[in-house]
Amino acid sequence: MIVVVALPLLVLVITALVRPDLLRLHALARAQQEDPALRALLISALTTGLLGFAANDSGVIVPAVALGHRRPADRHVWAQRWMNEAA
């Protein structure tokens, strides 16, 4: 039952990271064009969370912590983008 929900969700997330324009995520596409490290950062956070979820018996806490640690980097990327637009 979990695979029925998890697999389409995983495909959706990977599509959002690799081809955000297909899902009309134009802000994410622009941010990835301006800072190529953002895509690698998001994919590494997703991969780390999935591997931690699969290898650990703590359940969803590992992906939640991985996403929580990604936030400061996201804020840095978005702050740089806004500063470049204001200049």
Protein backbone atom coordinates (compact mmCIF):
# COMPACT_ATOMS: atom_id res chain seq x y z
CA MET A 1 0.00 0.00 0.00
CA ILE A 2 2.81 2.41 0.82
CA VAL A 3 4.45 1.78 -2.56
CA VAL A 4 1.24 2.89 -4.29
CA VAL A 5 1.58 6.32 -2.66
CA ALA A 6 5.36 6.59 -2.35
CA LEU A 7 6.32 5.77 -5.92
CA PRO A 8 4.20 8.45 -7.66
CA LEU A 9 5.25 10.97 -5.01
CA LEU A 10 8.91 10.15 -5.64
CA VAL A 11 8.43 10.53 -9.40
CA LEU A 12 6.73 13.88 -8.83
CA VAL A 13 9.56 15.15 -6.61
CA ILE A 14 12.26 14.00 -9.02
CA THR A 15 10.41 15.63 -11.92
CA ALA A 16 10.15 18.85 -9.92
CA LEU A 17 13.89 18.84 -9.28
CA VAL A 18 15.07 17.83 -12.74
CA ARG A 19 12.47 19.56 -14.96
CA PRO A 20 10.57 22.16 -12.87
CA ASP A 21 9.11 23.82 -15.99
CA LEU A 22 7.01 20.72 -16.70
CA LEU A 23 5.17 21.28 -13.42
CA ARG A 24 5.02 25.07 -13.90
CA LEU A 25 7.46 25.70 -11.07
CA HIS A 26 8.93 28.72 -12.80
CA ALA A 27 10.53 30.25 -9.69
CA LEU A 28 12.39 27.02 -8.99
CA ALA A 29 13.51 26.82 -12.62
CA ARG A 30 14.86 30.38 -12.51
CA ALA A 31 16.62 29.72 -9.22
CA GLN A 32 18.24 26.59 -10.63
CA GLN A 33 19.40 28.51 -13.70
CA GLU A 34 20.93 31.26 -11.58
CA ASP A 35 22.63 28.90 -9.14
CA PRO A 36 23.42 25.44 -10.52
CA ALA A 37 24.40 24.24 -7.04
CA LEU A 38 20.76 24.44 -5.96
CA ARG A 39 19.72 21.41 -8.01
CA ALA A 40 22.61 19.36 -6.61
CA LEU A 41 21.73 20.51 -3.09
CA LEU A 42 18.10 19.48 -3.42
CA ILE A 43 18.89 16.13 -5.04
CA SER A 44 21.48 15.34 -2.36
CA ALA A 45 19.01 16.19 0.41
CA LEU A 46 16.40 13.93 -1.20
CA THR A 47 18.89 11.09 -1.68
CA THR A 48 20.18 11.36 1.88
CA GLY A 49 16.66 11.35 3.25
CA LEU A 50 15.62 8.33 1.22
CA LEU A 51 18.74 6.34 2.10
CA GLY A 52 18.35 7.24 5.76
CA PHE A 53 14.69 6.25 5.66
CA ALA A 54 15.54 2.90 4.10
CA ALA A 55 18.48 2.10 6.38
CA ASN A 56 17.16 3.32 9.71
CA ASP A 57 14.31 2.07 11.86
CA SER A 58 13.35 5.59 12.98
CA GLY A 59 10.87 6.05 10.16
CA VAL A 60 10.24 9.45 8.66
CA ILE A 61 12.39 11.35 11.15
CA VAL A 62 15.53 10.95 9.00
CA PRO A 63 14.04 12.63 5.87
CA ALA A 64 12.50 15.30 8.10
CA VAL A 65 15.87 16.13 9.63
CA ALA A 66 17.52 16.11 6.19
CA LEU A 67 14.96 18.61 4.92
CA GLY A 68 15.39 20.71 8.05
CA HIS A 69 19.12 20.97 7.52
CA ARG A 70 18.58 22.02 3.92
CA ARG A 71 16.68 25.16 4.93
CA PRO A 72 19.66 27.47 5.70
CA ALA A 73 21.16 26.71 2.30
CA ASP A 74 17.82 27.41 0.62
CA ARG A 75 17.55 30.74 2.40
CA HIS A 76 21.04 31.67 1.29
CA VAL A 77 20.24 30.86 -2.35
CA TRP A 78 16.97 32.80 -2.30
CA ALA A 79 18.58 35.78 -0.52
CA GLN A 80 21.30 35.93 -3.18
CA ARG A 81 18.69 35.80 -5.90
CA TRP A 82 16.66 38.64 -4.37
CA MET A 83 19.78 40.74 -3.89
CA ASN A 84 20.71 40.25 -7.55
CA GLU A 85 17.22 41.30 -8.66
CA ALA A 86 17.30 44.41 -6.46
CA ALA A 87 20.67 45.53 -7.81
